[in-house]
Amino acid sequence: MSGNQIRADFATLDQLAADQGTHAGTIEGYRETLRQHALQALGTLDGGMGTEEHQACMRRVDELIDEHINATRTFQTSTGTVHDDFLQAGQTARRTFASGA
């Protein structure tokens, strides 16, 4: 392929979007396991921590998990947009060349 060509593999884009959706669901499924690991890590702090601090840390754990899931879903949406844009551009080019314009 020369430097002036663009090639889109729609099956690859479709698979990427599906994989991104699966990944977001997997992380959601691991939420409780991730929270348990955070609890273990917090339990190793010397001197312990108060209830408010502990709850604040666990809220932050949930926020970070949510941010990761939301970012993955945003990537999935972007992948779908790239797929649709390439498909539309290809159809436009095909029509233009077919018309002889």
N, C-alpha and C. Protein backbone atom coordinates (compact mmCIF):
# COMPACT_ATOMS: atom_id res chain seq x y z
N MET A 1 0.85 -1.17 0.00
CA MET A 1 0.00 0.00 0.00
C MET A 1 0.90 1.24 0.00
N SER A 2 0.60 2.16 -0.89
CA SER A 2 1.41 3.39 -0.97
C SER A 2 0.99 4.36 0.12
N GLY A 3 1.72 5.44 0.24
CA GLY A 3 1.45 6.43 1.27
C GLY A 3 0.16 7.21 1.05
N ASN A 4 -0.43 7.10 -0.14
CA ASN A 4 -1.64 7.86 -0.46
C ASN A 4 -2.91 7.02 -0.36
N GLN A 5 -2.84 5.86 0.25
CA GLN A 5 -4.01 4.99 0.33
C GLN A 5 -4.45 4.81 1.78
N ILE A 6 -5.75 4.65 1.91
CA ILE A 6 -6.33 4.32 3.21
C ILE A 6 -7.12 3.04 3.03
N ARG A 7 -6.93 2.11 3.92
CA ARG A 7 -7.65 0.85 3.83
C ARG A 7 -8.32 0.58 5.18
N ALA A 8 -9.59 0.25 5.13
CA ALA A 8 -10.33 -0.06 6.35
C ALA A 8 -10.75 -1.53 6.30
N ASP A 9 -10.44 -2.25 7.33
CA ASP A 9 -10.88 -3.64 7.45
C ASP A 9 -12.07 -3.63 8.40
N PHE A 10 -13.27 -3.68 7.82
CA PHE A 10 -14.49 -3.53 8.61
C PHE A 10 -14.68 -4.66 9.61
N ALA A 11 -14.26 -5.86 9.25
CA ALA A 11 -14.37 -6.97 10.19
C ALA A 11 -13.50 -6.74 11.42
N THR A 12 -12.33 -6.15 11.21
CA THR A 12 -11.44 -5.85 12.34
C THR A 12 -12.05 -4.76 13.22
N LEU A 13 -12.62 -3.73 12.59
CA LEU A 13 -13.27 -2.67 13.37
C LEU A 13 -14.46 -3.22 14.16
N ASP A 14 -15.25 -4.08 13.52
CA ASP A 14 -16.38 -4.69 14.22
C ASP A 14 -15.92 -5.53 15.40
N GLN A 15 -14.84 -6.30 15.20
CA GLN A 15 -14.32 -7.14 16.28
C GLN A 15 -13.77 -6.29 17.41
N LEU A 16 -13.08 -5.20 17.06
CA LEU A 16 -12.55 -4.31 18.09
C LEU A 16 -13.67 -3.73 18.94
N ALA A 17 -14.73 -3.27 18.30
CA ALA A 17 -15.86 -2.72 19.06
C ALA A 17 -16.48 -3.78 19.96
N ALA A 18 -16.63 -4.99 19.45
CA ALA A 18 -17.18 -6.08 20.27
C ALA A 18 -16.26 -6.39 21.45
N ASP A 19 -14.96 -6.43 21.19
CA ASP A 19 -13.99 -6.70 22.26
C ASP A 19 -14.02 -5.61 23.33
N GLN A 20 -14.16 -4.36 22.90
CA GLN A 20 -14.21 -3.25 23.86
C GLN A 20 -15.46 -3.37 24.73
N GLY A 21 -16.58 -3.74 24.14
CA GLY A 21 -17.81 -3.94 24.92
C GLY A 21 -17.66 -5.08 25.91
N THR A 22 -17.04 -6.16 25.47
CA THR A 22 -16.80 -7.31 26.35
C THR A 22 -15.89 -6.91 27.50
N HIS A 23 -14.84 -6.15 27.20
CA HIS A 23 -13.90 -5.73 28.23
C HIS A 23 -14.60 -4.88 29.29
N ALA A 24 -15.44 -3.95 28.86
CA ALA A 24 -16.17 -3.11 29.83
C ALA A 24 -17.04 -3.98 30.73
N GLY A 25 -17.72 -4.96 30.15
CA GLY A 25 -18.55 -5.87 30.94
C GLY A 25 -17.72 -6.72 31.89
N THR A 26 -16.55 -7.14 31.44
CA THR A 26 -15.66 -7.95 32.28
C THR A 26 -15.20 -7.16 33.50
N ILE A 27 -14.81 -5.91 33.28
CA ILE A 27 -14.36 -5.08 34.40
C ILE A 27 -15.50 -4.89 35.40
N GLU A 28 -16.70 -4.65 34.89
CA GLU A 28 -17.86 -4.52 35.78
C GLU A 28 -18.03 -5.80 36.59
N GLY A 29 -17.83 -6.94 35.96
CA GLY A 29 -17.94 -8.22 36.66
C GLY A 29 -16.87 -8.41 37.72
N TYR A 30 -15.72 -7.78 37.52
CA TYR A 30 -14.61 -7.90 38.48
C TYR A 30 -14.69 -6.86 39.60
N ARG A 31 -15.69 -6.00 39.54
CA ARG A 31 -15.77 -4.90 40.51
C ARG A 31 -15.60 -5.38 41.94
N GLU A 32 -16.31 -6.41 42.36
CA GLU A 32 -16.23 -6.86 43.76
C GLU A 32 -14.84 -7.40 44.08
N THR A 33 -14.24 -8.11 43.14
CA THR A 33 -12.87 -8.61 43.36
C THR A 33 -11.91 -7.44 43.52
N LEU A 34 -12.05 -6.43 42.67
CA LEU A 34 -11.18 -5.26 42.77
C LEU A 34 -11.39 -4.54 44.11
N ARG A 35 -12.63 -4.46 44.54
CA ARG A 35 -12.92 -3.82 45.83
C ARG A 35 -12.27 -4.62 46.98
N GLN A 36 -12.30 -5.94 46.89
CA GLN A 36 -11.68 -6.77 47.92
C GLN A 36 -10.17 -6.55 47.98
N HIS A 37 -9.55 -6.43 46.81
CA HIS A 37 -8.11 -6.14 46.78
C HIS A 37 -7.82 -4.77 47.40
N ALA A 38 -8.67 -3.80 47.13
CA ALA A 38 -8.49 -2.48 47.73
C ALA A 38 -8.64 -2.56 49.25
N LEU A 39 -9.62 -3.34 49.71
CA LEU A 39 -9.80 -3.50 51.16
C LEU A 39 -8.57 -4.12 51.80
N GLN A 40 -7.99 -5.11 51.14
CA GLN A 40 -6.77 -5.74 51.67
C GLN A 40 -5.63 -4.73 51.72
N ALA A 41 -5.50 -3.93 50.67
CA ALA A 41 -4.43 -2.93 50.64
C ALA A 41 -4.63 -1.90 51.74
N LEU A 42 -5.86 -1.46 51.93
CA LEU A 42 -6.14 -0.48 52.99
C LEU A 42 -5.87 -1.07 54.37
N GLY A 43 -6.08 -2.36 54.52
CA GLY A 43 -5.86 -3.02 55.80
C GLY A 43 -4.40 -3.10 56.20
N THR A 44 -3.50 -2.87 55.25
CA THR A 44 -2.07 -2.95 55.56
C THR A 44 -1.49 -1.62 56.04
N LEU A 45 -2.30 -0.58 56.05
CA LEU A 45 -1.81 0.73 56.49
C LEU A 45 -1.51 0.70 57.99
N ASP A 46 -0.34 1.17 58.34
CA ASP A 46 0.02 1.25 59.76
C ASP A 46 -0.89 2.23 60.47
N GLY A 47 -1.39 1.84 61.62
CA GLY A 47 -2.21 2.71 62.42
C GLY A 47 -3.67 2.71 62.02
N GLY A 48 -3.97 2.02 60.94
CA GLY A 48 -5.36 1.94 60.51
C GLY A 48 -5.88 3.28 60.01
N MET A 49 -7.16 3.32 59.80
CA MET A 49 -7.79 4.56 59.37
C MET A 49 -9.20 4.58 59.89
N GLY A 50 -9.73 5.76 59.97
CA GLY A 50 -11.10 5.91 60.44
C GLY A 50 -12.12 5.50 59.39
N THR A 51 -13.34 5.39 59.84
CA THR A 51 -14.43 4.98 58.96
C THR A 51 -14.59 5.93 57.78
N GLU A 52 -14.53 7.22 58.04
CA GLU A 52 -14.71 8.20 56.97
C GLU A 52 -13.61 8.08 55.92
N GLU A 53 -12.38 7.92 56.38
CA GLU A 53 -11.27 7.79 55.44
C GLU A 53 -11.41 6.52 54.63
N HIS A 54 -11.79 5.45 55.30
CA HIS A 54 -11.97 4.16 54.62
C HIS A 54 -13.07 4.27 53.56
N GLN A 55 -14.19 4.87 53.91
CA GLN A 55 -15.29 5.03 52.96
C GLN A 55 -14.87 5.91 51.78
N ALA A 56 -14.10 6.94 52.06
CA ALA A 56 -13.62 7.83 50.99
C ALA A 56 -12.71 7.05 50.03
N CYS A 57 -11.86 6.22 50.57
CA CYS A 57 -10.97 5.41 49.72
C CYS A 57 -11.79 4.44 48.86
N MET A 58 -12.78 3.81 49.44
CA MET A 58 -13.59 2.85 48.68
C MET A 58 -14.44 3.56 47.63
N ARG A 59 -14.90 4.78 47.93
CA ARG A 59 -15.61 5.55 46.91
C ARG A 59 -14.68 5.84 45.73
N ARG A 60 -13.43 6.16 46.06
CA ARG A 60 -12.45 6.45 45.01
C ARG A 60 -12.18 5.20 44.17
N VAL A 61 -12.13 4.04 44.81
CA VAL A 61 -11.96 2.79 44.07
C VAL A 61 -13.11 2.63 43.07
N ASP A 62 -14.33 2.84 43.53
CA ASP A 62 -15.49 2.73 42.64
C ASP A 62 -15.43 3.76 41.52
N GLU A 63 -15.00 4.98 41.84
CA GLU A 63 -14.89 6.02 40.81
C GLU A 63 -13.88 5.62 39.74
N LEU A 64 -12.74 5.07 40.16
CA LEU A 64 -11.72 4.67 39.20
C LEU A 64 -12.21 3.52 38.32
N ILE A 65 -12.91 2.58 38.91
CA ILE A 65 -13.48 1.48 38.11
C ILE A 65 -14.48 2.05 37.11
N ASP A 66 -15.35 2.93 37.57
CA ASP A 66 -16.34 3.55 36.68
C ASP A 66 -15.67 4.33 35.55
N GLU A 67 -14.62 5.07 35.89
CA GLU A 67 -13.90 5.84 34.87
C GLU A 67 -13.32 4.92 33.80
N HIS A 68 -12.76 3.80 34.23
CA HIS A 68 -12.18 2.85 33.28
C HIS A 68 -13.26 2.26 32.37
N ILE A 69 -14.37 1.87 32.97
CA ILE A 69 -15.48 1.30 32.19
C ILE A 69 -16.01 2.35 31.22
N ASN A 70 -16.22 3.57 31.67
CA ASN A 70 -16.73 4.63 30.80
C ASN A 70 -15.76 4.96 29.67
N ALA A 71 -14.47 4.97 29.96
CA ALA A 71 -13.47 5.24 28.91
C ALA A 71 -13.51 4.12 27.87
N THR A 72 -13.63 2.89 28.32
CA THR A 72 -13.68 1.76 27.39
C THR A 72 -14.93 1.85 26.51
N ARG A 73 -16.04 2.22 27.10
CA ARG A 73 -17.28 2.37 26.31
C ARG A 73 -17.17 3.55 25.34
N THR A 74 -16.47 4.61 25.74
CA THR A 74 -16.24 5.74 24.83
C THR A 74 -15.38 5.28 23.65
N PHE A 75 -14.34 4.50 23.92
CA PHE A 75 -13.51 3.95 22.84
C PHE A 75 -14.36 3.09 21.91
N GLN A 76 -15.27 2.31 22.49
CA GLN A 76 -16.15 1.45 21.68
C GLN A 76 -17.02 2.30 20.76
N THR A 77 -17.57 3.38 21.28
CA THR A 77 -18.39 4.28 20.47
C THR A 77 -17.55 4.90 19.36
N SER A 78 -16.34 5.32 19.69
CA SER A 78 -15.44 5.91 18.69
C SER A 78 -15.09 4.91 17.60
N THR A 79 -14.88 3.67 17.98
CA THR A 79 -14.58 2.63 17.00
C THR A 79 -15.76 2.47 16.04
N GLY A 80 -16.96 2.48 16.57
CA GLY A 80 -18.15 2.40 15.72
C GLY A 80 -18.25 3.59 14.78
N THR A 81 -17.89 4.76 15.26
CA THR A 81 -17.92 5.97 14.43
C THR A 81 -16.89 5.86 13.30
N VAL A 82 -15.69 5.39 13.61
CA VAL A 82 -14.66 5.20 12.59
C VAL A 82 -15.18 4.23 11.52
N HIS A 83 -15.76 3.12 11.95
CA HIS A 83 -16.32 2.13 11.03
C HIS A 83 -17.33 2.80 10.10
N ASP A 84 -18.28 3.51 10.68
CA ASP A 84 -19.35 4.14 9.89
C ASP A 84 -18.80 5.20 8.94
N ASP A 85 -17.82 6.00 9.41
CA ASP A 85 -17.23 7.04 8.57
C ASP A 85 -16.49 6.43 7.38
N PHE A 86 -15.71 5.38 7.62
CA PHE A 86 -15.00 4.71 6.52
C PHE A 86 -15.99 4.10 5.54
N LEU A 87 -17.04 3.49 6.05
CA LEU A 87 -18.04 2.88 5.19
C LEU A 87 -18.72 3.94 4.32
N GLN A 88 -19.11 5.04 4.93
CA GLN A 88 -19.76 6.13 4.19
C GLN A 88 -18.81 6.71 3.14
N ALA A 89 -17.55 6.92 3.50
CA ALA A 89 -16.58 7.46 2.54
C ALA A 89 -16.38 6.50 1.37
N GLY A 90 -16.33 5.22 1.66
CA GLY A 90 -16.18 4.22 0.60
C GLY A 90 -17.37 4.21 -0.33
N GLN A 91 -18.56 4.32 0.23
CA GLN A 91 -19.77 4.35 -0.59
C GLN A 91 -19.81 5.61 -1.46
N THR A 92 -19.40 6.73 -0.88
CA THR A 92 -19.36 7.99 -1.64
C THR A 92 -18.36 7.88 -2.78
N ALA A 93 -17.19 7.35 -2.51
CA ALA A 93 -16.17 7.19 -3.56
C ALA A 93 -16.69 6.25 -4.65
N ARG A 94 -17.33 5.16 -4.27
CA ARG A 94 -17.86 4.20 -5.23
C ARG A 94 -18.90 4.88 -6.14
N ARG A 95 -19.80 5.65 -5.54
CA ARG A 95 -20.82 6.35 -6.34
C ARG A 95 -20.18 7.37 -7.29
N THR A 96 -19.18 8.09 -6.77
CA THR A 96 -18.50 9.11 -7.58
C THR A 96 -17.81 8.46 -8.78
N PHE A 97 -17.09 7.38 -8.54
CA PHE A 97 -16.38 6.71 -9.63
C PHE A 97 -17.35 6.05 -10.60
N ALA A 98 -18.46 5.53 -10.08
CA ALA A 98 -19.44 4.86 -10.94
C ALA A 98 -20.15 5.88 -11.85
N SER A 99 -20.30 7.11 -11.36
CA SER A 99 -20.98 8.12 -12.16
C SER A 99 -20.09 8.72 -13.22
N GLY A 100 -18.80 8.47 -13.11
CA GLY A 100 -17.85 9.00 -14.10
C GLY A 100 -17.52 10.47 -13.86
N ALA A 101 -17.93 11.00 -12.73
CA ALA A 101 -17.70 12.43 -12.44
C ALA A 101 -16.26 12.70 -12.14
